Amino acid sequence: MENDMNKQEEIKEIDIHGKKYLVADIPANVANQFNVTNRLKNEAEEANYQNVKLASAHSYQDQVLGKMIEEAKLKPVEDPEEDPEK
């Protein structure tokens, strides 16, 4: 008995710019460009996810650093240019 989970459904139609086309009718160059466009879209979505993930991690780590500075009771060095009395 074949495992239906291992069978891939054959794609008969694809959607390009909101219109459906039969895969059998698509010339090789159009199919290749469709694949390139689809791959770029997927990679852009992955890059966006990675950017969000890194920004979130950076924000969290920055908060941790701030808490560590407070716990260590570190005092910032005073900048003489900012002190109006000197």
Protein backbone atom coordinates (compact mmCIF):
# COMPACT_ATOMS: atom_id res chain seq x y z
CA MET A 1 0.00 0.00 0.00
CA GLU A 2 1.38 3.40 -0.98
CA ASN A 3 1.75 6.07 1.62
CA ASP A 4 -0.28 9.08 0.42
CA MET A 5 1.92 11.39 2.48
CA ASN A 6 4.92 10.58 0.26
CA LYS A 7 3.12 11.24 -3.01
CA GLN A 8 3.49 14.72 -4.40
CA GLU A 9 0.48 16.13 -6.11
CA GLU A 10 1.23 17.02 -9.71
CA ILE A 11 0.79 20.72 -10.37
CA LYS A 12 -1.38 21.26 -13.42
CA GLU A 13 -1.91 25.03 -13.19
CA ILE A 14 0.10 27.95 -11.89
CA ASP A 15 -0.95 31.48 -11.04
CA ILE A 16 1.05 34.27 -12.67
CA HIS A 17 -0.02 37.88 -12.08
CA GLY A 18 -3.44 36.75 -10.90
CA LYS A 19 -4.14 34.57 -13.96
CA LYS A 20 -4.05 30.78 -14.11
CA TYR A 21 -2.09 28.99 -16.82
CA LEU A 22 -1.79 25.30 -17.66
CA VAL A 23 1.69 24.04 -16.86
CA ALA A 24 1.66 21.98 -20.07
CA ASP A 25 1.26 25.18 -22.13
CA ILE A 26 4.12 27.12 -20.55
CA PRO A 27 7.38 27.31 -22.55
CA ALA A 28 10.62 26.44 -20.75
CA ASN A 29 11.88 30.05 -20.61
CA VAL A 30 8.63 31.24 -18.98
CA ALA A 31 8.72 28.34 -16.51
CA ASN A 32 12.34 29.17 -15.63
CA GLN A 33 11.52 32.84 -15.09
CA PHE A 34 8.50 31.86 -12.96
CA ASN A 35 10.79 29.68 -10.82
CA VAL A 36 13.35 32.48 -10.47
CA THR A 37 10.65 34.97 -9.49
CA ASN A 38 9.13 32.54 -7.01
CA ARG A 39 12.51 31.76 -5.46
CA LEU A 40 13.35 35.46 -5.12
CA LYS A 41 10.00 36.07 -3.43
CA ASN A 42 10.66 33.24 -0.97
CA GLU A 43 14.18 34.50 -0.26
CA ALA A 44 12.89 38.05 0.28
CA GLU A 45 10.34 36.73 2.77
CA GLU A 46 13.09 34.76 4.55
CA ALA A 47 15.37 37.82 4.63
CA ASN A 48 12.53 39.88 6.10
CA TYR A 49 11.97 37.22 8.78
CA GLN A 50 15.70 37.17 9.59
CA ASN A 51 15.74 40.98 9.89
CA VAL A 52 12.79 40.95 12.28
CA LYS A 53 14.38 38.15 14.30
CA LEU A 54 17.72 39.97 14.53
CA ALA A 55 16.10 43.29 15.45
CA SER A 56 14.13 41.57 18.22
CA ALA A 57 17.23 39.80 19.51
CA HIS A 58 19.21 43.04 19.44
CA SER A 59 16.50 44.92 21.33
CA TYR A 60 16.32 42.21 23.99
CA GLN A 61 20.10 42.03 24.40
CA ASP A 62 20.27 45.83 24.66
CA GLN A 63 17.71 45.72 27.49
CA VAL A 64 19.75 43.02 29.24
CA LEU A 65 22.87 45.18 28.92
CA GLY A 66 21.04 48.15 30.44
CA LYS A 67 19.93 46.04 33.41
CA MET A 68 23.45 44.68 33.88
CA ILE A 69 24.85 48.24 33.93
CA GLU A 70 22.25 49.21 36.56
CA GLU A 71 22.98 46.11 38.68
CA ALA A 72 26.71 46.84 38.53
CA LYS A 73 25.93 50.43 39.61
CA LEU A 74 28.15 51.79 36.86
CA LYS A 75 28.29 55.56 36.50
CA PRO A 76 28.83 57.15 33.09
CA VAL A 77 31.91 59.27 32.54
CA GLU A 78 30.98 62.94 32.50
CA ASP A 79 31.68 64.81 29.29
CA PRO A 80 33.37 68.17 30.11
CA GLU A 81 31.86 69.71 26.96
CA GLU A 82 28.36 69.08 28.30
CA ASP A 83 29.06 70.61 31.74
CA PRO A 84 28.10 74.31 31.54
CA GLU A 85 30.01 75.18 34.80
CA LYS A 86 33.45 74.27 33.44
